[in-house]
């Protein structure tokens, strides 16, 4: 009986540890030509990847040259009326306000 309990417990622990692996990372490339604002952060010219895990309320901004996360911005997931045809970064003036992901019915809105 004890062996079964330990086996079940081990299986539950392994299942719990594997849950983060199931979350899909959504990523959009971004070429910045002039200074942009995203949340409270300023992005200087360069190439970046904007990355968000499904259901996570944080957007990571990763510099492509060295793979360093340069900022983390709080976001909110919103429902779209239909699937996005392509990944898009939507801006208002020089501020990033929304990111849509190819084939997804959810997008993120920058807080």
Protein backbone atom coordinates (compact mmCIF):
# COMPACT_ATOMS: atom_id res chain seq x y z
CA UNK A 1 0.00 0.00 0.00
CA UNK A 2 2.83 2.41 0.83
CA UNK A 3 4.52 1.80 -2.51
CA UNK A 4 1.33 2.68 -4.40
CA UNK A 5 0.90 5.87 -2.40
CA UNK A 6 4.47 6.92 -3.18
CA UNK A 7 3.99 6.10 -6.86
CA UNK A 8 0.79 8.15 -7.03
CA UNK A 9 2.42 11.02 -5.20
CA UNK A 10 5.42 10.96 -7.56
CA UNK A 11 3.08 10.95 -10.58
CA UNK A 12 1.15 13.93 -9.23
CA UNK A 13 4.37 15.88 -8.57
CA UNK A 14 5.68 15.17 -12.10
CA UNK A 15 2.35 16.24 -13.59
CA UNK A 16 2.44 19.49 -11.60
CA UNK A 17 6.00 20.23 -12.69
CA UNK A 18 5.16 19.68 -16.35
CA UNK A 19 2.24 22.15 -16.43
CA UNK A 20 4.41 25.18 -17.34
CA UNK A 21 5.65 23.22 -20.38
CA UNK A 22 2.11 23.14 -21.78
CA UNK A 23 1.76 26.92 -21.79
CA UNK A 24 2.48 28.19 -25.29
CA UNK A 25 4.69 31.22 -25.74
CA UNK A 26 3.33 33.72 -28.24
CA UNK A 27 6.02 35.81 -29.88
CA UNK A 28 6.01 38.76 -32.27
CA UNK A 29 9.14 40.31 -33.79
CA UNK A 30 9.43 44.09 -33.54
CA UNK A 31 11.80 46.39 -35.43
CA UNK A 32 12.06 49.73 -33.64
CA UNK A 33 13.29 52.66 -35.78
CA UNK A 34 12.72 55.40 -33.19
CA UNK A 35 12.02 55.46 -29.47
CA UNK A 36 8.69 53.81 -28.57
CA UNK A 37 6.81 53.48 -25.31
CA UNK A 38 5.31 50.23 -24.08
CA UNK A 39 3.68 50.41 -20.67
CA UNK A 40 6.05 52.54 -18.61
CA UNK A 41 9.12 51.38 -20.57
CA UNK A 42 10.98 53.09 -23.40
CA UNK A 43 12.31 50.99 -26.29
CA UNK A 44 15.31 52.39 -28.12
CA UNK A 45 15.96 51.56 -31.79
CA UNK A 46 16.79 47.90 -32.40
CA UNK A 47 15.26 44.48 -32.98
CA UNK A 48 13.14 42.88 -30.28
CA UNK A 49 10.82 39.95 -29.68
CA UNK A 50 7.63 40.54 -27.70
CA UNK A 51 6.81 37.32 -25.80
CA UNK A 52 3.76 36.37 -23.75
CA UNK A 53 2.76 32.98 -22.38
CA UNK A 54 -0.89 31.97 -22.75
CA UNK A 55 -2.81 33.24 -19.73
CA UNK A 56 0.20 35.02 -18.23
CA UNK A 57 -0.31 38.71 -17.40
CA UNK A 58 3.25 39.74 -18.26
CA UNK A 59 4.83 40.60 -21.61
CA UNK A 60 8.58 40.09 -21.90
CA UNK A 61 10.55 42.30 -24.25
CA UNK A 62 13.65 40.46 -25.43
CA UNK A 63 16.49 42.08 -27.38
CA UNK A 64 17.28 39.87 -30.39
CA UNK A 65 21.04 40.44 -30.45
CA UNK A 66 21.84 38.94 -27.05
CA UNK A 67 18.53 37.37 -25.98
CA UNK A 68 18.40 39.55 -22.86
CA UNK A 69 15.01 40.47 -21.40
CA UNK A 70 15.13 44.27 -21.33
CA UNK A 71 11.68 44.85 -19.78
CA UNK A 72 8.58 43.15 -18.45
CA UNK A 73 5.25 44.91 -18.88
CA UNK A 74 1.85 44.07 -17.31
CA UNK A 75 -0.81 43.15 -19.88
CA UNK A 76 -4.42 42.06 -20.06
CA UNK A 77 -5.76 39.37 -22.39
CA UNK A 78 -8.79 40.40 -24.44
CA UNK A 79 -11.13 38.47 -26.73
CA UNK A 80 -11.14 39.36 -30.45
CA UNK A 81 -14.27 39.17 -32.62
CA UNK A 82 -12.44 36.78 -34.97
CA UNK A 83 -9.06 35.10 -35.30
CA UNK A 84 -6.19 37.42 -36.16
CA UNK A 85 -5.03 36.90 -39.76
CA UNK A 86 -1.46 37.75 -38.83
CA UNK A 87 0.57 38.86 -35.85
CA UNK A 88 0.38 42.62 -35.42
CA UNK A 89 1.66 45.27 -33.05
CA UNK A 90 -0.91 48.08 -32.84
CA UNK A 91 0.25 51.57 -31.92
CA UNK A 92 -1.30 54.87 -31.03
CA UNK A 93 1.17 57.68 -31.72
CA UNK A 94 4.50 56.28 -30.41
CA UNK A 95 2.92 53.96 -27.83
CA UNK A 96 2.31 50.21 -28.28
CA UNK A 97 -1.27 49.54 -27.11
CA UNK A 98 -2.18 46.03 -28.35
CA UNK A 99 -0.58 42.90 -29.77
CA UNK A 100 -2.48 40.33 -31.83
CA UNK A 101 -1.13 36.85 -32.53
CA UNK A 102 -1.57 34.98 -35.83
CA UNK A 103 -4.51 32.57 -35.70
CA UNK A 104 -5.53 33.46 -32.14
CA UNK A 105 -8.86 34.82 -30.94
CA UNK A 106 -7.13 36.44 -27.97
CA UNK A 107 -4.82 39.45 -27.99
CA UNK A 108 -3.02 41.38 -25.31
CA UNK A 109 -3.70 44.93 -24.35
CA UNK A 110 -0.94 46.94 -22.70
CA UNK A 111 -1.97 48.40 -19.35
